[in-house]
PDB file of all heavy atoms in Angstrom:
ATOM      1  N   LEU A   1       0.831  -1.193  -0.023  1.00  0.00           N
ATOM      2  CA  LEU A   1       0.025   0.006   0.019  1.00  0.00           C
ATOM      3  C   LEU A   1       0.909   1.220   0.032  1.00  0.00           C
ATOM      4  O   LEU A   1       1.993   1.214   0.542  1.00  0.00           O
ATOM      5  CB  LEU A   1      -0.872   0.004   1.210  1.00  0.00           C
ATOM      6  CG  LEU A   1      -1.900  -1.154   1.358  1.00  0.00           C
ATOM      7  CD1 LEU A   1      -2.579  -1.080   2.747  1.00  0.00           C
ATOM      8  CD2 LEU A   1      -2.934  -1.146   0.222  1.00  0.00           C
ATOM      9  N   PRO A   2       0.455   2.309  -0.634  1.00  0.00           N
ATOM     10  CA  PRO A   2       1.314   3.512  -0.723  1.00  0.00           C
ATOM     11  C   PRO A   2       1.857   3.987   0.633  1.00  0.00           C
ATOM     12  O   PRO A   2       2.987   4.385   0.783  1.00  0.00           O
ATOM     13  CB  PRO A   2       0.379   4.578  -1.362  1.00  0.00           C
ATOM     14  CG  PRO A   2      -0.591   3.767  -2.173  1.00  0.00           C
ATOM     15  CD  PRO A   2      -0.769   2.484  -1.421  1.00  0.00           C
ATOM     16  N   ARG A   3       0.990   3.901   1.701  1.00  0.00           N
ATOM     17  CA  ARG A   3       1.446   4.386   2.995  1.00  0.00           C
ATOM     18  C   ARG A   3       2.494   3.473   3.614  1.00  0.00           C
ATOM     19  O   ARG A   3       3.117   3.856   4.613  1.00  0.00           O
ATOM     20  CB  ARG A   3       0.217   4.490   3.935  1.00  0.00           C
ATOM     21  CG  ARG A   3      -0.522   3.169   4.184  1.00  0.00           C
ATOM     22  CD  ARG A   3      -1.701   3.381   5.132  1.00  0.00           C
ATOM     23  NE  ARG A   3      -2.578   2.199   5.118  1.00  0.00           N
ATOM     24  CZ  ARG A   3      -2.364   1.084   5.829  1.00  0.00           C
ATOM     25  NH1 ARG A   3      -1.243   0.999   6.579  1.00  0.00           N
ATOM     26  NH2 ARG A   3      -3.193   0.064   5.775  1.00  0.00           N
ATOM     27  N   GLN A   4       2.689   2.301   3.080  1.00  0.00           N
ATOM     28  CA  GLN A   4       3.678   1.340   3.588  1.00  0.00           C
ATOM     29  C   GLN A   4       5.054   1.456   2.880  1.00  0.00           C
ATOM     30  O   GLN A   4       5.966   0.747   3.299  1.00  0.00           O
ATOM     31  CB  GLN A   4       3.150  -0.072   3.507  1.00  0.00           C
ATOM     32  CG  GLN A   4       1.933  -0.334   4.400  1.00  0.00           C
ATOM     33  CD  GLN A   4       1.250  -1.652   4.159  1.00  0.00           C
ATOM     34  OE1 GLN A   4       1.188  -2.134   3.035  1.00  0.00           O
ATOM     35  NE2 GLN A   4       0.754  -2.251   5.243  1.00  0.00           N
ATOM     36  N   LEU A   5       5.108   2.213   1.835  1.00  0.00           N
ATOM     37  CA  LEU A   5       6.392   2.386   1.139  1.00  0.00           C
ATOM     38  C   LEU A   5       7.301   3.313   1.934  1.00  0.00           C
ATOM     39  O   LEU A   5       6.843   4.287   2.536  1.00  0.00           O
ATOM     40  CB  LEU A   5       6.123   2.958  -0.259  1.00  0.00           C
ATOM     41  CG  LEU A   5       5.389   2.074  -1.204  1.00  0.00           C
ATOM     42  CD1 LEU A   5       4.904   2.891  -2.428  1.00  0.00           C
ATOM     43  CD2 LEU A   5       6.304   0.916  -1.671  1.00  0.00           C
ATOM     44  N   ALA A   6       8.558   3.009   1.902  1.00  0.00           N
ATOM     45  CA  ALA A   6       9.543   3.805   2.640  1.00  0.00           C
ATOM     46  C   ALA A   6      10.805   3.972   1.763  1.00  0.00           C
ATOM     47  O   ALA A   6      11.426   3.032   1.327  1.00  0.00           O
ATOM     48  CB  ALA A   6       9.945   3.133   3.959  1.00  0.00           C
ATOM     49  N   PHE A   7      11.115   5.278   1.445  1.00  0.00           N
ATOM     50  CA  PHE A   7      12.284   5.556   0.624  1.00  0.00           C
ATOM     51  C   PHE A   7      13.290   6.402   1.394  1.00  0.00           C
ATOM     52  O   PHE A   7      14.331   6.772   0.830  1.00  0.00           O
ATOM     53  CB  PHE A   7      11.844   6.267  -0.659  1.00  0.00           C
ATOM     54  CG  PHE A   7      11.035   5.344  -1.523  1.00  0.00           C
ATOM     55  CD1 PHE A   7       9.636   5.460  -1.543  1.00  0.00           C
ATOM     56  CD2 PHE A   7      11.596   4.349  -2.324  1.00  0.00           C
ATOM     57  CE1 PHE A   7       8.857   4.617  -2.309  1.00  0.00           C
ATOM     58  CE2 PHE A   7      10.795   3.486  -3.092  1.00  0.00           C
ATOM     59  CZ  PHE A   7       9.453   3.619  -3.086  1.00  0.00           C
ATOM     60  N   PHE A   8      13.065   6.704   2.635  1.00  0.00           N
ATOM     61  CA  PHE A   8      13.969   7.376   3.544  1.00  0.00           C
ATOM     62  C   PHE A   8      14.619   8.651   2.920  1.00  0.00           C
ATOM     63  O   PHE A   8      15.791   8.863   2.988  1.00  0.00           O
ATOM     64  CB  PHE A   8      15.077   6.396   3.973  1.00  0.00           C
ATOM     65  CG  PHE A   8      14.485   5.101   4.479  1.00  0.00           C
ATOM     66  CD1 PHE A   8      14.557   3.927   3.675  1.00  0.00           C
ATOM     67  CD2 PHE A   8      13.820   5.022   5.656  1.00  0.00           C
ATOM     68  CE1 PHE A   8      13.988   2.706   4.144  1.00  0.00           C
ATOM     69  CE2 PHE A   8      13.269   3.839   6.112  1.00  0.00           C
ATOM     70  CZ  PHE A   8      13.354   2.688   5.352  1.00  0.00           C
ATOM     71  N   GLY A   9      13.774   9.348   2.189  1.00  0.00           N
ATOM     72  CA  GLY A   9      14.219  10.633   1.630  1.00  0.00           C
ATOM     73  C   GLY A   9      14.749  10.564   0.222  1.00  0.00           C
ATOM     74  O   GLY A   9      15.214  11.578  -0.305  1.00  0.00           O
ATOM     75  N   SER A  10      14.726   9.431  -0.397  1.00  0.00           N
ATOM     76  CA  SER A  10      15.296   9.250  -1.733  1.00  0.00           C
ATOM     77  C   SER A  10      14.222   9.373  -2.810  1.00  0.00           C
ATOM     78  O   SER A  10      13.455   8.418  -3.107  1.00  0.00           O
ATOM     79  CB  SER A  10      15.999   7.915  -1.895  1.00  0.00           C
ATOM     80  OG  SER A  10      16.445   7.675  -3.200  1.00  0.00           O
ATOM     81  N   ASP A  11      14.145  10.555  -3.437  1.00  0.00           N
ATOM     82  CA  ASP A  11      13.211  10.748  -4.565  1.00  0.00           C
ATOM     83  C   ASP A  11      13.587   9.887  -5.767  1.00  0.00           C
ATOM     84  O   ASP A  11      12.714   9.380  -6.479  1.00  0.00           O
ATOM     85  CB  ASP A  11      13.204  12.220  -4.970  1.00  0.00           C
ATOM     86  CG  ASP A  11      12.609  13.145  -3.895  1.00  0.00           C
ATOM     87  OD1 ASP A  11      11.853  12.651  -3.050  1.00  0.00           O
ATOM     88  OD2 ASP A  11      12.918  14.344  -3.913  1.00  0.00           O
ATOM     89  N   ASP A  12      14.907   9.689  -5.947  1.00  0.00           N
ATOM     90  CA  ASP A  12      15.342   8.845  -7.036  1.00  0.00           C
ATOM     91  C   ASP A  12      14.849   7.432  -6.963  1.00  0.00           C
ATOM     92  O   ASP A  12      14.384   6.823  -7.938  1.00  0.00           O
ATOM     93  CB  ASP A  12      16.900   8.846  -7.095  1.00  0.00           C
ATOM     94  CG  ASP A  12      17.459   9.994  -7.889  1.00  0.00           C
ATOM     95  OD1 ASP A  12      16.668  10.657  -8.559  1.00  0.00           O
ATOM     96  OD2 ASP A  12      18.696  10.205  -7.786  1.00  0.00           O
ATOM     97  N   TYR A  13      14.910   6.848  -5.741  1.00  0.00           N
ATOM     98  CA  TYR A  13      14.475   5.458  -5.581  1.00  0.00           C
ATOM     99  C   TYR A  13      12.960   5.423  -5.642  1.00  0.00           C
ATOM    100  O   TYR A  13      12.373   4.392  -6.096  1.00  0.00           O
ATOM    101  CB  TYR A  13      15.032   4.875  -4.297  1.00  0.00           C
ATOM    102  CG  TYR A  13      16.294   4.093  -4.519  1.00  0.00           C
ATOM    103  CD1 TYR A  13      17.239   4.494  -5.425  1.00  0.00           C
ATOM    104  CD2 TYR A  13      16.531   2.877  -3.841  1.00  0.00           C
ATOM    105  CE1 TYR A  13      18.360   3.786  -5.656  1.00  0.00           C
ATOM    106  CE2 TYR A  13      17.676   2.152  -4.006  1.00  0.00           C
ATOM    107  CZ  TYR A  13      18.588   2.572  -4.943  1.00  0.00           C
ATOM    108  OH  TYR A  13      19.732   1.866  -5.203  1.00  0.00           O
ATOM    109  N   GLN A  14      12.245   6.405  -5.179  1.00  0.00           N
ATOM    110  CA  GLN A  14      10.844   6.406  -5.276  1.00  0.00           C
ATOM    111  C   GLN A  14      10.378   6.423  -6.749  1.00  0.00           C
ATOM    112  O   GLN A  14       9.488   5.719  -7.210  1.00  0.00           O
ATOM    113  CB  GLN A  14      10.213   7.627  -4.604  1.00  0.00           C
ATOM    114  CG  GLN A  14       8.680   7.651  -4.572  1.00  0.00           C
ATOM    115  CD  GLN A  14       8.128   8.743  -3.722  1.00  0.00           C
ATOM    116  OE1 GLN A  14       8.831   9.653  -3.281  1.00  0.00           O
ATOM    117  NE2 GLN A  14       6.843   8.706  -3.425  1.00  0.00           N
ATOM    118  N   GLN A  15      11.094   7.258  -7.595  1.00  0.00           N
ATOM    119  CA  GLN A  15      10.762   7.308  -9.019  1.00  0.00           C
ATOM    120  C   GLN A  15      11.152   5.981  -9.678  1.00  0.00           C
ATOM    121  O   GLN A  15      10.453   5.488 -10.577  1.00  0.00           O
ATOM    122  CB  GLN A  15      11.468   8.468  -9.679  1.00  0.00           C
ATOM    123  CG  GLN A  15      11.150   8.657 -11.121  1.00  0.00           C
ATOM    124  CD  GLN A  15       9.642   8.914 -11.302  1.00  0.00           C
ATOM    125  OE1 GLN A  15       9.079   9.780 -10.654  1.00  0.00           O
ATOM    126  NE2 GLN A  15       9.003   8.156 -12.196  1.00  0.00           N
ATOM    127  N   GLY A  16      12.256   5.427  -9.258  1.00  0.00           N
ATOM    128  CA  GLY A  16      12.620   4.136  -9.825  1.00  0.00           C
ATOM    129  C   GLY A  16      11.585   3.065  -9.579  1.00  0.00           C
ATOM    130  O   GLY A  16      11.290   2.245 -10.471  1.00  0.00           O
ATOM    131  N   TYR A  17      11.021   3.089  -8.381  1.00  0.00           N
ATOM    132  CA  TYR A  17       9.978   2.118  -8.051  1.00  0.00           C
ATOM    133  C   TYR A  17       8.748   2.311  -8.965  1.00  0.00           C
ATOM    134  O   TYR A  17       8.180   1.333  -9.469  1.00  0.00           O
ATOM    135  CB  TYR A  17       9.587   2.258  -6.582  1.00  0.00           C
ATOM    136  CG  TYR A  17       8.346   1.585  -6.174  1.00  0.00           C
ATOM    137  CD1 TYR A  17       8.278   0.193  -6.072  1.00  0.00           C
ATOM    138  CD2 TYR A  17       7.189   2.293  -5.869  1.00  0.00           C
ATOM    139  CE1 TYR A  17       7.096  -0.498  -5.707  1.00  0.00           C
ATOM    140  CE2 TYR A  17       6.039   1.686  -5.491  1.00  0.00           C
ATOM    141  CZ  TYR A  17       5.972   0.273  -5.374  1.00  0.00           C
ATOM    142  OH  TYR A  17       4.810  -0.313  -5.014  1.00  0.00           O
ATOM    143  N   LEU A  18       8.296   3.542  -9.166  1.00  0.00           N
ATOM    144  CA  LEU A  18       7.177   3.823 -10.026  1.00  0.00           C
ATOM    145  C   LEU A  18       7.462   3.389 -11.452  1.00  0.00           C
ATOM    146  O   LEU A  18       6.556   2.831 -12.095  1.00  0.00           O
ATOM    147  CB  LEU A  18       6.846   5.329  -9.953  1.00  0.00           C
ATOM    148  CG  LEU A  18       6.367   5.856  -8.570  1.00  0.00           C
ATOM    149  CD1 LEU A  18       6.162   7.348  -8.671  1.00  0.00           C
ATOM    150  CD2 LEU A  18       5.074   5.141  -8.170  1.00  0.00           C
ATOM    151  N   ASP A  19       8.674   3.629 -11.880  1.00  0.00           N
ATOM    152  CA  ASP A  19       9.016   3.143 -13.239  1.00  0.00           C
ATOM    153  C   ASP A  19       9.052   1.659 -13.335  1.00  0.00           C
ATOM    154  O   ASP A  19       8.707   1.042 -14.370  1.00  0.00           O
ATOM    155  CB  ASP A  19      10.391   3.708 -13.649  1.00  0.00           C
ATOM    156  CG  ASP A  19      10.377   5.256 -13.837  1.00  0.00           C
ATOM    157  OD1 ASP A  19       9.296   5.786 -14.004  1.00  0.00           O
ATOM    158  OD2 ASP A  19      11.470   5.833 -13.787  1.00  0.00           O
ATOM    159  N   ALA A  20       9.467   0.981 -12.252  1.00  0.00           N
ATOM    160  CA  ALA A  20       9.480  -0.498 -12.231  1.00  0.00           C
ATOM    161  C   ALA A  20       8.088  -1.062 -12.395  1.00  0.00           C
ATOM    162  O   ALA A  20       7.871  -2.055 -13.064  1.00  0.00           O
ATOM    163  CB  ALA A  20      10.142  -0.995 -10.955  1.00  0.00           C
ATOM    164  N   ILE A  21       7.114  -0.437 -11.796  1.00  0.00           N
ATOM    165  CA  ILE A  21       5.718  -0.857 -11.927  1.00  0.00           C
ATOM    166  C   ILE A  21       5.309  -0.815 -13.381  1.00  0.00           C
ATOM    167  O   ILE A  21       4.684  -1.785 -13.905  1.00  0.00           O
ATOM    168  CB  ILE A  21       4.763   0.021 -11.055  1.00  0.00           C
ATOM    169  CG1 ILE A  21       4.981  -0.320  -9.592  1.00  0.00           C
ATOM    170  CG2 ILE A  21       3.337  -0.226 -11.426  1.00  0.00           C
ATOM    171  CD1 ILE A  21       4.207   0.563  -8.619  1.00  0.00           C
ATOM    172  N   LYS A  22       5.681   0.228 -14.062  1.00  0.00           N
ATOM    173  CA  LYS A  22       5.375   0.366 -15.495  1.00  0.00           C
ATOM    174  C   LYS A  22       6.087  -0.727 -16.310  1.00  0.00           C
ATOM    175  O   LYS A  22       5.475  -1.265 -17.299  1.00  0.00           O
ATOM    176  CB  LYS A  22       5.786   1.749 -15.984  1.00  0.00           C
ATOM    177  CG  LYS A  22       5.007   2.886 -15.387  1.00  0.00           C
ATOM    178  CD  LYS A  22       5.487   4.225 -15.866  1.00  0.00           C
ATOM    179  CE  LYS A  22       4.703   5.406 -15.278  1.00  0.00           C
ATOM    180  NZ  LYS A  22       5.247   6.699 -15.705  1.00  0.00           N
ATOM    181  N   GLN A  23       7.270  -1.043 -15.919  1.00  0.00           N
ATOM    182  CA  GLN A  23       8.004  -2.131 -16.651  1.00  0.00           C
ATOM    183  C   GLN A  23       7.263  -3.466 -16.476  1.00  0.00           C
ATOM    184  O   GLN A  23       7.161  -4.224 -17.420  1.00  0.00           O
ATOM    185  CB  GLN A  23       9.408  -2.223 -16.184  1.00  0.00           C
ATOM    186  CG  GLN A  23      10.346  -1.073 -16.612  1.00  0.00           C
ATOM    187  CD  GLN A  23      11.798  -1.379 -16.372  1.00  0.00           C
ATOM    188  OE1 GLN A  23      12.283  -2.527 -16.699  1.00  0.00           O
ATOM    189  NE2 GLN A  23      12.508  -0.487 -15.795  1.00  0.00           N
ATOM    190  N   LEU A  24       6.841  -3.740 -15.266  1.00  0.00           N
ATOM    191  CA  LEU A  24       6.109  -5.016 -15.052  1.00  0.00           C
ATOM    192  C   LEU A  24       4.813  -5.052 -15.762  1.00  0.00           C
ATOM    193  O   LEU A  24       4.387  -6.071 -16.312  1.00  0.00           O
ATOM    194  CB  LEU A  24       5.904  -5.221 -13.560  1.00  0.00           C
ATOM    195  CG  LEU A  24       7.080  -5.837 -12.794  1.00  0.00           C
ATOM    196  CD1 LEU A  24       6.937  -5.610 -11.297  1.00  0.00           C
ATOM    197  CD2 LEU A  24       7.260  -7.341 -13.121  1.00  0.00           C
ATOM    198  N   GLU A  25       4.171  -3.904 -15.855  1.00  0.00           N
ATOM    199  CA  GLU A  25       2.888  -3.839 -16.609  1.00  0.00           C
ATOM    200  C   GLU A  25       3.166  -4.007 -18.125  1.00  0.00           C
ATOM    201  O   GLU A  25       2.346  -4.632 -18.834  1.00  0.00           O
ATOM    202  CB  GLU A  25       2.196  -2.494 -16.319  1.00  0.00           C
ATOM    203  CG  GLU A  25       1.668  -2.391 -14.881  1.00  0.00           C
ATOM    204  CD  GLU A  25       1.112  -1.070 -14.561  1.00  0.00           C
ATOM    205  OE1 GLU A  25       1.531  -0.042 -15.177  1.00  0.00           O
ATOM    206  OE2 GLU A  25       0.220  -1.007 -13.649  1.00  0.00           O
ATOM    207  N   ALA A  26       4.274  -3.489 -18.558  1.00  0.00           N
ATOM    208  CA  ALA A  26       4.636  -3.582 -19.969  1.00  0.00           C
ATOM    209  C   ALA A  26       4.897  -4.994 -20.464  1.00  0.00           C
ATOM    210  O   ALA A  26       4.735  -5.319 -21.627  1.00  0.00           O
ATOM    211  CB  ALA A  26       5.822  -2.711 -20.321  1.00  0.00           C
ATOM    212  N   ILE A  27       5.270  -5.909 -19.522  1.00  0.00           N
ATOM    213  CA  ILE A  27       5.572  -7.280 -19.906  1.00  0.00           C
ATOM    214  C   ILE A  27       4.398  -8.211 -19.561  1.00  0.00           C
ATOM    215  O   ILE A  27       4.579  -9.424 -19.502  1.00  0.00           O
ATOM    216  CB  ILE A  27       6.861  -7.832 -19.314  1.00  0.00           C
ATOM    217  CG1 ILE A  27       6.809  -7.868 -17.762  1.00  0.00           C
ATOM    218  CG2 ILE A  27       8.043  -6.958 -19.770  1.00  0.00           C
ATOM    219  CD1 ILE A  27       7.952  -8.615 -17.156  1.00  0.00           C
ATOM    220  N   GLY A  28       3.248  -7.627 -19.237  1.00  0.00           N
ATOM    221  CA  GLY A  28       2.056  -8.424 -19.022  1.00  0.00           C
ATOM    222  C   GLY A  28       1.544  -8.462 -17.612  1.00  0.00           C
ATOM    223  O   GLY A  28       0.553  -9.192 -17.330  1.00  0.00           O
ATOM    224  N   GLY A  29       2.125  -7.657 -16.675  1.00  0.00           N
ATOM    225  CA  GLY A  29       1.663  -7.708 -15.312  1.00  0.00           C
ATOM    226  C   GLY A  29       0.535  -6.765 -14.989  1.00  0.00           C
ATOM    227  O   GLY A  29       0.384  -5.719 -15.662  1.00  0.00           O
ATOM    228  N   SER A  30      -0.274  -7.152 -14.053  1.00  0.00           N
ATOM    229  CA  SER A  30      -1.367  -6.278 -13.514  1.00  0.00           C
ATOM    230  C   SER A  30      -1.145  -6.049 -12.051  1.00  0.00           C
ATOM    231  O   SER A  30      -1.016  -6.987 -11.265  1.00  0.00           O
ATOM    232  CB  SER A  30      -2.760  -6.960 -13.684  1.00  0.00           C
ATOM    233  OG  SER A  30      -3.027  -7.115 -15.099  1.00  0.00           O
ATOM    234  N   LYS A  31      -0.998  -4.745 -11.678  1.00  0.00           N
ATOM    235  CA  LYS A  31      -0.696  -4.401 -10.311  1.00  0.00           C
ATOM    236  C   LYS A  31      -1.856  -4.634  -9.346  1.00  0.00           C
ATOM    237  O   LYS A  31      -2.999  -4.287  -9.691  1.00  0.00           O
ATOM    238  CB  LYS A  31      -0.193  -2.939 -10.226  1.00  0.00           C
ATOM    239  CG  LYS A  31       0.188  -2.472  -8.823  1.00  0.00           C
ATOM    240  CD  LYS A  31       0.498  -0.970  -8.822  1.00  0.00           C
ATOM    241  CE  LYS A  31      -0.747  -0.107  -8.970  1.00  0.00           C
ATOM    242  NZ  LYS A  31      -0.461   1.295  -8.755  1.00  0.00           N
ATOM    243  N   VAL A  32      -1.563  -5.139  -8.164  1.00  0.00           N
ATOM    244  CA  VAL A  32      -2.548  -5.260  -7.116  1.00  0.00           C
ATOM    245  C   VAL A  32      -1.928  -4.750  -5.819  1.00  0.00           C
ATOM    246  O   VAL A  32      -0.878  -5.226  -5.394  1.00  0.00           O
ATOM    247  CB  VAL A  32      -2.950  -6.749  -6.892  1.00  0.00           C
ATOM    248  CG1 VAL A  32      -3.996  -6.860  -5.764  1.00  0.00           C
ATOM    249  CG2 VAL A  32      -3.510  -7.351  -8.161  1.00  0.00           C
ATOM    250  N   GLU A  33      -2.509  -3.720  -5.229  1.00  0.00           N
ATOM    251  CA  GLU A  33      -2.000  -3.213  -3.952  1.00  0.00           C
ATOM    252  C   GLU A  33      -2.579  -4.042  -2.781  1.00  0.00           C
ATOM    253  O   GLU A  33      -3.752  -4.271  -2.750  1.00  0.00           O
ATOM    254  CB  GLU A  33      -2.409  -1.740  -3.788  1.00  0.00           C
ATOM    255  CG  GLU A  33      -1.745  -0.761  -4.766  1.00  0.00           C
ATOM    256  CD  GLU A  33      -2.091   0.673  -4.511  1.00  0.00           C
ATOM    257  OE1 GLU A  33      -3.015   0.920  -3.706  1.00  0.00           O
ATOM    258  OE2 GLU A  33      -1.493   1.547  -5.170  1.00  0.00           O
ATOM    259  N   VAL A  34      -1.664  -4.466  -1.940  1.00  0.00           N
ATOM    260  CA  VAL A  34      -2.082  -5.335  -0.818  1.00  0.00           C
ATOM    261  C   VAL A  34      -1.466  -4.781   0.479  1.00  0.00           C
ATOM    262  O   VAL A  34      -0.484  -4.016   0.434  1.00  0.00           O
ATOM    263  CB  VAL A  34      -1.653  -6.814  -1.005  1.00  0.00           C
ATOM    264  CG1 VAL A  34      -2.281  -7.396  -2.294  1.00  0.00           C
ATOM    265  CG2 VAL A  34      -0.135  -6.934  -1.033  1.00  0.00           C
ATOM    266  N   ASP A  35      -2.024  -5.155   1.579  1.00  0.00           N
ATOM    267  CA  ASP A  35      -1.541  -4.750   2.900  1.00  0.00           C
ATOM    268  C   ASP A  35      -0.305  -5.586   3.286  1.00  0.00           C
ATOM    269  O   ASP A  35      -0.390  -6.784   3.513  1.00  0.00           O
ATOM    270  CB  ASP A  35      -2.633  -4.903   3.937  1.00  0.00           C
ATOM    271  CG  ASP A  35      -2.266  -4.418   5.296  1.00  0.00           C
ATOM    272  OD1 ASP A  35      -1.100  -3.954   5.462  1.00  0.00           O
ATOM    273  OD2 ASP A  35      -3.111  -4.450   6.209  1.00  0.00           O
ATOM    274  N   PHE A  36       0.860  -4.962   3.286  1.00  0.00           N
ATOM    275  CA  PHE A  36       2.118  -5.668   3.582  1.00  0.00           C
ATOM    276  C   PHE A  36       2.357  -5.793   5.059  1.00  0.00           C
ATOM    277  O   PHE A  36       3.461  -6.203   5.489  1.00  0.00           O
ATOM    278  CB  PHE A  36       3.288  -4.846   2.954  1.00  0.00           C
ATOM    279  CG  PHE A  36       3.802  -5.452   1.651  1.00  0.00           C
ATOM    280  CD1 PHE A  36       2.957  -5.730   0.648  1.00  0.00           C
ATOM    281  CD2 PHE A  36       5.152  -5.643   1.403  1.00  0.00           C
ATOM    282  CE1 PHE A  36       3.408  -6.240  -0.583  1.00  0.00           C
ATOM    283  CE2 PHE A  36       5.665  -6.132   0.277  1.00  0.00           C
ATOM    284  CZ  PHE A  36       4.771  -6.431  -0.789  1.00  0.00           C
ATOM    285  N   ALA A  37       1.392  -5.423   5.940  1.00  0.00           N
ATOM    286  CA  ALA A  37       1.625  -5.409   7.369  1.00  0.00           C
ATOM    287  C   ALA A  37       2.204  -6.723   7.918  1.00  0.00           C
ATOM    288  O   ALA A  37       3.119  -6.730   8.710  1.00  0.00           O
ATOM    289  CB  ALA A  37       0.339  -4.993   8.062  1.00  0.00           C
ATOM    290  N   PRO A  38       1.623  -7.913   7.443  1.00  0.00           N
ATOM    291  CA  PRO A  38       2.192  -9.161   8.050  1.00  0.00           C
ATOM    292  C   PRO A  38       3.648  -9.330   7.699  1.00  0.00           C
ATOM    293  O   PRO A  38       4.404  -9.834   8.529  1.00  0.00           O
ATOM    294  CB  PRO A  38       1.338 -10.231   7.376  1.00  0.00           C
ATOM    295  CG  PRO A  38       0.035  -9.571   6.986  1.00  0.00           C
ATOM    296  CD  PRO A  38       0.445  -8.124   6.630  1.00  0.00           C
ATOM    297  N   LEU A  39       4.060  -8.882   6.537  1.00  0.00           N
ATOM    298  CA  LEU A  39       5.463  -9.011   6.122  1.00  0.00           C
ATOM    299  C   LEU A  39       6.353  -8.067   6.916  1.00  0.00           C
ATOM    300  O   LEU A  39       7.367  -8.458   7.398  1.00  0.00           O
ATOM    301  CB  LEU A  39       5.593  -8.751   4.604  1.00  0.00           C
ATOM    302  CG  LEU A  39       5.111  -9.824   3.672  1.00  0.00           C
ATOM    303  CD1 LEU A  39       3.565  -9.906   3.672  1.00  0.00           C
ATOM    304  CD2 LEU A  39       5.536  -9.546   2.240  1.00  0.00           C
ATOM    305  N   LEU A  40       5.896  -6.875   7.024  1.00  0.00           N
ATOM    306  CA  LEU A  40       6.709  -5.839   7.771  1.00  0.00           C
ATOM    307  C   LEU A  40       6.795  -6.174   9.248  1.00  0.00           C
ATOM    308  O   LEU A  40       7.802  -5.929   9.921  1.00  0.00           O
ATOM    309  CB  LEU A  40       6.121  -4.459   7.523  1.00  0.00           C
ATOM    310  CG  LEU A  40       6.054  -3.993   6.055  1.00  0.00           C
ATOM    311  CD1 LEU A  40       5.324  -2.649   5.942  1.00  0.00           C
ATOM    312  CD2 LEU A  40       7.496  -3.891   5.463  1.00  0.00           C
ATOM    313  N   ASP A  41       5.713  -6.698   9.782  1.00  0.00           N
ATOM    314  CA  ASP A  41       5.736  -7.129  11.219  1.00  0.00           C
ATOM    315  C   ASP A  41       6.686  -8.282  11.386  1.00  0.00           C
ATOM    316  O   ASP A  41       7.403  -8.349  12.412  1.00  0.00           O
ATOM    317  CB  ASP A  41       4.320  -7.505  11.687  1.00  0.00           C
ATOM    318  CG  ASP A  41       3.412  -6.305  11.828  1.00  0.00           C
ATOM    319  OD1 ASP A  41       3.972  -5.157  11.853  1.00  0.00           O
ATOM    320  OD2 ASP A  41       2.186  -6.509  11.937  1.00  0.00           O
ATOM    321  N   ALA A  42       6.705  -9.212  10.435  1.00  0.00           N
ATOM    322  CA  ALA A  42       7.661 -10.340  10.534  1.00  0.00           C
ATOM    323  C   ALA A  42       9.069  -9.841  10.486  1.00  0.00           C
ATOM    324  O   ALA A  42       9.975 -10.353  11.194  1.00  0.00           O
ATOM    325  CB  ALA A  42       7.383 -11.382   9.467  1.00  0.00           C
TER     326      ALA A  42
END
């Protein structure tokens, strides 16, 4: 989920992540936002 993303002040890495989503979509992927809380808690 957007509120769970952390880039620690790096605009470059945030933009890289957004571009990566587009790359995955370009090769056939469909994005699904999910609650990462169980992973982050682990």
